[in-house]
PDB file of N, CA and C in Angstrom:
ATOM      1  N   VAL A   1      16.937 -57.834 -79.655  1.00  0.00           N
ATOM      2  CA  VAL A   1      17.844 -56.776 -79.239  1.00  0.00           C
ATOM      3  C   VAL A   1      19.351 -57.003 -79.779  1.00  0.00           C
ATOM      4  N   HIS A   2      19.900 -58.253 -79.918  1.00  0.00           N
ATOM      5  CA  HIS A   2      21.048 -58.516 -80.243  1.00  0.00           C
ATOM      6  C   HIS A   2      21.445 -57.753 -81.645  1.00  0.00           C
ATOM      7  N   SER A   3      20.286 -58.204 -82.668  1.00  0.00           N
ATOM      8  CA  SER A   3      20.509 -57.610 -83.914  1.00  0.00           C
ATOM      9  C   SER A   3      20.290 -56.054 -84.240  1.00  0.00           C
ATOM     10  N   ALA A   4      19.618 -55.632 -83.435  1.00  0.00           N
ATOM     11  CA  ALA A   4      19.611 -54.008 -83.298  1.00  0.00           C
ATOM     12  C   ALA A   4      21.092 -53.572 -82.852  1.00  0.00           C
ATOM     13  N   ARG A   5      21.436 -54.280 -81.759  1.00  0.00           N
ATOM     14  CA  ARG A   5      22.803 -53.685 -81.260  1.00  0.00           C
ATOM     15  C   ARG A   5      24.126 -54.007 -82.398  1.00  0.00           C
ATOM     16  N   LYS A   6      23.787 -55.160 -82.983  1.00  0.00           N
ATOM     17  CA  LYS A   6      24.692 -55.379 -84.101  1.00  0.00           C
ATOM     18  C   LYS A   6      24.764 -54.244 -85.184  1.00  0.00           C
ATOM     19  N   MET A   7      23.458 -53.973 -85.627  1.00  0.00           N
ATOM     20  CA  MET A   7      22.976 -53.060 -86.707  1.00  0.00           C
ATOM     21  C   MET A   7      23.868 -51.718 -86.283  1.00  0.00           C
ATOM     22  N   ILE A   8      23.368 -51.064 -85.158  1.00  0.00           N
ATOM     23  CA  ILE A   8      23.869 -49.958 -84.580  1.00  0.00           C
ATOM     24  C   ILE A   8      25.579 -49.719 -84.449  1.00  0.00           C
ATOM     25  N   LEU A   9      26.101 -50.769 -84.284  1.00  0.00           N
ATOM     26  CA  LEU A   9      27.704 -50.886 -84.150  1.00  0.00           C
ATOM     27  C   LEU A   9      28.017 -50.841 -85.673  1.00  0.00           C
ATOM     28  N   ARG A  10      27.450 -51.499 -86.506  1.00  0.00           N
ATOM     29  CA  ARG A  10      27.879 -51.332 -87.928  1.00  0.00           C
ATOM     30  C   ARG A  10      27.793 -49.786 -88.579  1.00  0.00           C
ATOM     31  N   VAL A  11      26.599 -49.310 -88.195  1.00  0.00           N
ATOM     32  CA  VAL A  11      26.394 -47.948 -88.404  1.00  0.00           C
ATOM     33  C   VAL A  11      27.448 -46.827 -88.009  1.00  0.00           C
ATOM     34  N   VAL A  12      27.704 -47.136 -86.727  1.00  0.00           N
ATOM     35  CA  VAL A  12      28.952 -46.365 -86.047  1.00  0.00           C
ATOM     36  C   VAL A  12      30.233 -46.599 -86.426  1.00  0.00           C
ATOM     37  N   ASN A  13      30.512 -47.607 -87.095  1.00  0.00           N
ATOM     38  CA  ASN A  13      31.817 -48.301 -87.539  1.00  0.00           C
ATOM     39  C   ASN A  13      31.939 -47.624 -88.870  1.00  0.00           C
ATOM     40  N   THR A  14      30.685 -47.703 -89.673  1.00  0.00           N
ATOM     41  CA  THR A  14      30.783 -47.103 -90.942  1.00  0.00           C
ATOM     42  C   THR A  14      31.063 -45.631 -91.129  1.00  0.00           C
ATOM     43  N   ILE A  15      30.280 -44.786 -90.086  1.00  0.00           N
ATOM     44  CA  ILE A  15      30.275 -43.510 -89.779  1.00  0.00           C
ATOM     45  C   ILE A  15      31.928 -43.048 -89.646  1.00  0.00           C
ATOM     46  N   GLY A  16      32.524 -43.827 -88.661  1.00  0.00           N
ATOM     47  CA  GLY A  16      33.758 -43.541 -88.212  1.00  0.00           C
ATOM     48  C   GLY A  16      34.729 -43.785 -89.328  1.00  0.00           C
ATOM     49  N   ALA A  17      34.563 -44.875 -90.064  1.00  0.00           N
ATOM     50  CA  ALA A  17      35.591 -44.962 -91.182  1.00  0.00           C
ATOM     51  C   ALA A  17      35.468 -43.785 -92.188  1.00  0.00           C
ATOM     52  N   LYS A  18      34.218 -43.209 -92.474  1.00  0.00           N
ATOM     53  CA  LYS A  18      34.096 -42.361 -93.441  1.00  0.00           C
ATOM     54  C   LYS A  18      34.668 -41.142 -92.874  1.00  0.00           C
ATOM     55  N   MET A  19      34.756 -40.777 -91.597  1.00  0.00           N
ATOM     56  CA  MET A  19      35.348 -39.500 -91.078  1.00  0.00           C
ATOM     57  C   MET A  19      36.854 -39.533 -91.021  1.00  0.00           C
ATOM     58  N   GLU A  20      37.660 -40.668 -91.031  1.00  0.00           N
ATOM     59  CA  GLU A  20      39.116 -40.775 -90.888  1.00  0.00           C
ATOM     60  C   GLU A  20      39.638 -40.024 -92.365  1.00  0.00           C
ATOM     61  N   LEU A  21      40.780 -39.185 -92.150  1.00  0.00           N
ATOM     62  CA  LEU A  21      41.567 -38.607 -93.134  1.00  0.00           C
ATOM     63  C   LEU A  21      42.771 -39.182 -93.236  1.00  0.00           C
ATOM     64  N   GLY A  22      43.220 -39.506 -94.360  1.00  0.00           N
ATOM     65  CA  GLY A  22      44.439 -39.958 -94.631  1.00  0.00           C
ATOM     66  C   GLY A  22      45.436 -38.830 -94.588  1.00  0.00           C
ATOM     67  N   ALA A  23      46.638 -39.192 -94.567  1.00  0.00           N
ATOM     68  CA  ALA A  23      47.825 -38.345 -94.385  1.00  0.00           C
ATOM     69  C   ALA A  23      47.850 -37.441 -95.595  1.00  0.00           C
ATOM     70  N   PRO A  24      47.714 -37.702 -96.798  1.00  0.00           N
ATOM     71  CA  PRO A  24      47.778 -36.501 -97.807  1.00  0.00           C
ATOM     72  C   PRO A  24      46.554 -35.500 -97.568  1.00  0.00           C
ATOM     73  N   MET A  25      45.372 -35.967 -97.382  1.00  0.00           N
ATOM     74  CA  MET A  25      44.228 -35.046 -97.024  1.00  0.00           C
ATOM     75  C   MET A  25      44.518 -34.072 -95.938  1.00  0.00           C
ATOM     76  N   ALA A  26      45.017 -34.798 -94.775  1.00  0.00           N
ATOM     77  CA  ALA A  26      45.250 -34.176 -93.548  1.00  0.00           C
ATOM     78  C   ALA A  26      46.347 -32.910 -93.846  1.00  0.00           C
ATOM     79  N   SER A  27      47.499 -33.194 -94.581  1.00  0.00           N
ATOM     80  CA  SER A  27      48.396 -32.261 -95.008  1.00  0.00           C
ATOM     81  C   SER A  27      47.831 -31.018 -95.827  1.00  0.00           C
ATOM     82  N   LEU A  28      46.894 -31.515 -96.786  1.00  0.00           N
ATOM     83  CA  LEU A  28      46.392 -30.455 -97.425  1.00  0.00           C
ATOM     84  C   LEU A  28      45.399 -29.452 -96.623  1.00  0.00           C
ATOM     85  N   TYR A  29      44.787 -30.124 -95.778  1.00  0.00           N
ATOM     86  CA  TYR A  29      43.964 -29.352 -94.840  1.00  0.00           C
ATOM     87  C   TYR A  29      44.669 -28.235 -93.902  1.00  0.00           C
ATOM     88  N   LEU A  30      45.825 -28.995 -93.406  1.00  0.00           N
ATOM     89  CA  LEU A  30      46.592 -27.960 -92.388  1.00  0.00           C
ATOM     90  C   LEU A  30      47.143 -26.890 -93.145  1.00  0.00           C
ATOM     91  N   LEU A  31      47.769 -27.227 -94.409  1.00  0.00           N
ATOM     92  CA  LEU A  31      48.282 -26.115 -95.218  1.00  0.00           C
ATOM     93  C   LEU A  31      47.380 -25.324 -95.981  1.00  0.00           C
ATOM     94  N   GLN A  32      46.195 -25.570 -95.715  1.00  0.00           N
ATOM     95  CA  GLN A  32      44.962 -24.587 -96.396  1.00  0.00           C
ATOM     96  C   GLN A  32      45.113 -24.666 -97.935  1.00  0.00           C
ATOM     97  N   ASN A  33      45.510 -25.819 -98.453  1.00  0.00           N
ATOM     98  CA  ASN A  33      45.675 -26.060 -99.886  1.00  0.00           C
ATOM     99  C   ASN A  33      44.336 -26.720-100.347  1.00  0.00           C
ATOM    100  N   PRO A  34      43.910 -26.472-101.632  1.00  0.00           N
ATOM    101  CA  PRO A  34      42.366 -27.179-102.027  1.00  0.00           C
ATOM    102  C   PRO A  34      42.903 -28.389-102.139  1.00  0.00           C
ATOM    103  N   ASP A  35      41.876 -29.322-101.897  1.00  0.00           N
ATOM    104  CA  ASP A  35      41.920 -30.729-102.088  1.00  0.00           C
ATOM    105  C   ASP A  35      41.461 -31.259-103.626  1.00  0.00           C
ATOM    106  N   HIS A  36      41.296 -30.283-104.381  1.00  0.00           N
ATOM    107  CA  HIS A  36      40.710 -30.682-105.761  1.00  0.00           C
ATOM    108  C   HIS A  36      41.185 -29.594-106.744  1.00  0.00           C
ATOM    109  N   TYR A  37      41.211 -29.944-107.771  1.00  0.00           N
ATOM    110  CA  TYR A  37      41.352 -28.857-108.854  1.00  0.00           C
ATOM    111  C   TYR A  37      40.404 -28.976-109.864  1.00  0.00           C
ATOM    112  N   THR A  38      40.029 -27.755-110.405  1.00  0.00           N
ATOM    113  CA  THR A  38      38.961 -27.917-111.438  1.00  0.00           C
ATOM    114  C   THR A  38      39.129 -26.534-112.397  1.00  0.00           C
ATOM    115  N   SER A  39      38.574 -26.768-113.724  1.00  0.00           N
ATOM    116  CA  SER A  39      38.769 -25.613-114.463  1.00  0.00           C
ATOM    117  C   SER A  39      37.566 -24.671-114.491  1.00  0.00           C
ATOM    118  N   HIS A  40      36.557 -24.780-113.443  1.00  0.00           N
ATOM    119  CA  HIS A  40      35.511 -23.746-113.497  1.00  0.00           C
ATOM    120  C   HIS A  40      35.413 -23.370-111.960  1.00  0.00           C
ATOM    121  N   SER A  41      34.837 -22.284-112.000  1.00  0.00           N
ATOM    122  CA  SER A  41      34.510 -21.708-110.737  1.00  0.00           C
ATOM    123  C   SER A  41      32.996 -21.770-110.258  1.00  0.00           C
ATOM    124  N   PHE A  42      32.640 -22.250-109.146  1.00  0.00           N
ATOM    125  CA  PHE A  42      31.350 -22.360-108.855  1.00  0.00           C
ATOM    126  C   PHE A  42      30.816 -21.257-107.962  1.00  0.00           C
ATOM    127  N   VAL A  43      29.500 -21.012-107.821  1.00  0.00           N
ATOM    128  CA  VAL A  43      28.847 -20.150-106.976  1.00  0.00           C
ATOM    129  C   VAL A  43      28.140 -20.721-106.063  1.00  0.00           C
ATOM    130  N   THR A  44      27.882 -20.380-104.988  1.00  0.00           N
ATOM    131  CA  THR A  44      26.964 -20.817-103.952  1.00  0.00           C
ATOM    132  C   THR A  44      25.580 -20.413-104.328  1.00  0.00           C
ATOM    133  N   PHE A  45      24.738 -21.272-104.131  1.00  0.00           N
ATOM    134  CA  PHE A  45      23.236 -21.468-104.780  1.00  0.00           C
ATOM    135  C   PHE A  45      22.501 -21.652-103.247  1.00  0.00           C
ATOM    136  N   SER A  46      21.702 -20.664-103.094  1.00  0.00           N
ATOM    137  CA  SER A  46      20.597 -20.917-101.903  1.00  0.00           C
ATOM    138  C   SER A  46      19.347 -21.575-102.188  1.00  0.00           C
ATOM    139  N   TRP A  47      19.416 -22.744-101.958  1.00  0.00           N
ATOM    140  CA  TRP A  47      18.215 -23.597-102.322  1.00  0.00           C
ATOM    141  C   TRP A  47      16.863 -23.204-101.695  1.00  0.00           C
ATOM    142  N   LYS A  48      16.925 -22.898-100.351  1.00  0.00           N
ATOM    143  CA  LYS A  48      15.728 -22.768 -99.635  1.00  0.00           C
ATOM    144  C   LYS A  48      14.602 -21.609-100.257  1.00  0.00           C
ATOM    145  N   PRO A  49      15.175 -20.467-100.492  1.00  0.00           N
ATOM    146  CA  PRO A  49      14.542 -19.339-101.290  1.00  0.00           C
ATOM    147  C   PRO A  49      13.802 -19.870-102.448  1.00  0.00           C
ATOM    148  N   PHE A  50      14.663 -20.535-103.287  1.00  0.00           N
ATOM    149  CA  PHE A  50      13.952 -20.914-104.619  1.00  0.00           C
ATOM    150  C   PHE A  50      12.805 -22.076-104.257  1.00  0.00           C
ATOM    151  N   VAL A  51      12.977 -23.000-103.421  1.00  0.00           N
ATOM    152  CA  VAL A  51      11.983 -23.929-103.021  1.00  0.00           C
ATOM    153  C   VAL A  51      10.650 -23.195-102.457  1.00  0.00           C
ATOM    154  N   VAL A  52      10.852 -22.094-101.531  1.00  0.00           N
ATOM    155  CA  VAL A  52       9.651 -21.157-100.968  1.00  0.00           C
ATOM    156  C   VAL A  52       8.912 -20.689-102.210  1.00  0.00           C
ATOM    157  N   HIS A  53       9.830 -20.135-103.124  1.00  0.00           N
ATOM    158  CA  HIS A  53       9.260 -19.332-104.291  1.00  0.00           C
ATOM    159  C   HIS A  53       8.331 -20.414-105.052  1.00  0.00           C
ATOM    160  N   ILE A  54       8.737 -21.571-105.221  1.00  0.00           N
ATOM    161  CA  ILE A  54       7.999 -22.391-106.296  1.00  0.00           C
ATOM    162  C   ILE A  54       6.890 -22.881-105.316  1.00  0.00           C
ATOM    163  N   GLN A  55       6.940 -23.256-104.075  1.00  0.00           N
ATOM    164  CA  GLN A  55       5.896 -23.650-103.240  1.00  0.00           C
ATOM    165  C   GLN A  55       4.784 -22.555-103.207  1.00  0.00           C
ATOM    166  N   ASN A  56       5.154 -21.122-102.974  1.00  0.00           N
ATOM    167  CA  ASN A  56       4.301 -20.179-103.330  1.00  0.00           C
ATOM    168  C   ASN A  56       3.380 -19.973-104.562  1.00  0.00           C
ATOM    169  N   ASP A  57       4.127 -20.269-105.681  1.00  0.00           N
ATOM    170  CA  ASP A  57       3.658 -20.215-106.821  1.00  0.00           C
ATOM    171  C   ASP A  57       2.591 -21.473-106.959  1.00  0.00           C
ATOM    172  N   VAL A  58       2.927 -22.432-106.516  1.00  0.00           N
ATOM    173  CA  VAL A  58       2.132 -23.597-106.618  1.00  0.00           C
ATOM    174  C   VAL A  58       0.858 -23.524-105.941  1.00  0.00           C
ATOM    175  N   GLN A  59       0.915 -22.761-104.583  1.00  0.00           N
ATOM    176  CA  GLN A  59      -0.105 -22.470-103.927  1.00  0.00           C
ATOM    177  C   GLN A  59      -1.085 -21.579-104.343  1.00  0.00           C
ATOM    178  N   LEU A  60      -0.553 -20.645-105.134  1.00  0.00           N
ATOM    179  CA  LEU A  60      -1.322 -19.399-105.814  1.00  0.00           C
ATOM    180  C   LEU A  60      -1.987 -20.137-107.032  1.00  0.00           C
ATOM    181  N   LEU A  61      -1.419 -21.106-107.772  1.00  0.00           N
ATOM    182  CA  LEU A  61      -2.146 -21.630-108.964  1.00  0.00           C
ATOM    183  C   LEU A  61      -3.229 -22.574-108.464  1.00  0.00           C
ATOM    184  N   GLN A  62      -3.130 -23.299-107.371  1.00  0.00           N
ATOM    185  CA  GLN A  62      -4.172 -24.080-106.768  1.00  0.00           C
ATOM    186  C   GLN A  62      -5.245 -23.335-106.269  1.00  0.00           C
ATOM    187  N   GLU A  63      -4.993 -22.209-105.595  1.00  0.00           N
ATOM    188  CA  GLU A  63      -6.243 -21.300-105.118  1.00  0.00           C
ATOM    189  C   GLU A  63      -6.818 -20.732-106.351  1.00  0.00           C
ATOM    190  N   CYS A  64      -6.280 -20.427-107.492  1.00  0.00           N
ATOM    191  CA  CYS A  64      -6.773 -19.786-108.776  1.00  0.00           C
ATOM    192  C   CYS A  64      -7.697 -20.915-109.334  1.00  0.00           C
ATOM    193  N   GLN A  65      -7.165 -22.122-109.173  1.00  0.00           N
ATOM    194  CA  GLN A  65      -7.880 -23.267-109.969  1.00  0.00           C
ATOM    195  C   GLN A  65      -9.041 -23.505-109.178  1.00  0.00           C
ATOM    196  N   GLU A  66      -9.136 -23.267-107.856  1.00  0.00           N
ATOM    197  CA  GLU A  66     -10.059 -23.806-106.933  1.00  0.00           C
ATOM    198  C   GLU A  66     -11.194 -22.602-107.225  1.00  0.00           C
ATOM    199  N   LYS A  67     -10.910 -21.548-107.384  1.00  0.00           N
ATOM    200  CA  LYS A  67     -11.836 -20.389-107.678  1.00  0.00           C
ATOM    201  C   LYS A  67     -12.557 -20.506-108.957  1.00  0.00           C
ATOM    202  N   SER A  68     -11.795 -20.860-109.733  1.00  0.00           N
ATOM    203  CA  SER A  68     -12.360 -21.118-111.357  1.00  0.00           C
ATOM    204  C   SER A  68     -13.228 -22.381-111.401  1.00  0.00           C
ATOM    205  N   GLU A  69     -13.108 -23.181-110.416  1.00  0.00           N
ATOM    206  CA  GLU A  69     -14.040 -24.402-110.350  1.00  0.00           C
ATOM    207  C   GLU A  69     -15.414 -24.027-109.751  1.00  0.00           C
ATOM    208  N   ASP A  70     -15.533 -23.009-108.951  1.00  0.00           N
ATOM    209  CA  ASP A  70     -16.537 -22.647-108.134  1.00  0.00           C
ATOM    210  C   ASP A  70     -17.562 -21.911-108.957  1.00  0.00           C
TER     211      ASP A  70
END
């Protein structure tokens, strides 16, 4: 029980430490300035439809393979 409590305390402390913002990051956030600079622009990629499409193709291929084996 003591070791489990110690582990949970360590996890909570680690999460809390990662959530803390320093003064420079807080000021950038409040002023709505970017926190990074890059020479590229990026687009949002929807991962779930891509995975669903691949899963459907794999299932279709498996069904075709099963029919050809019969």
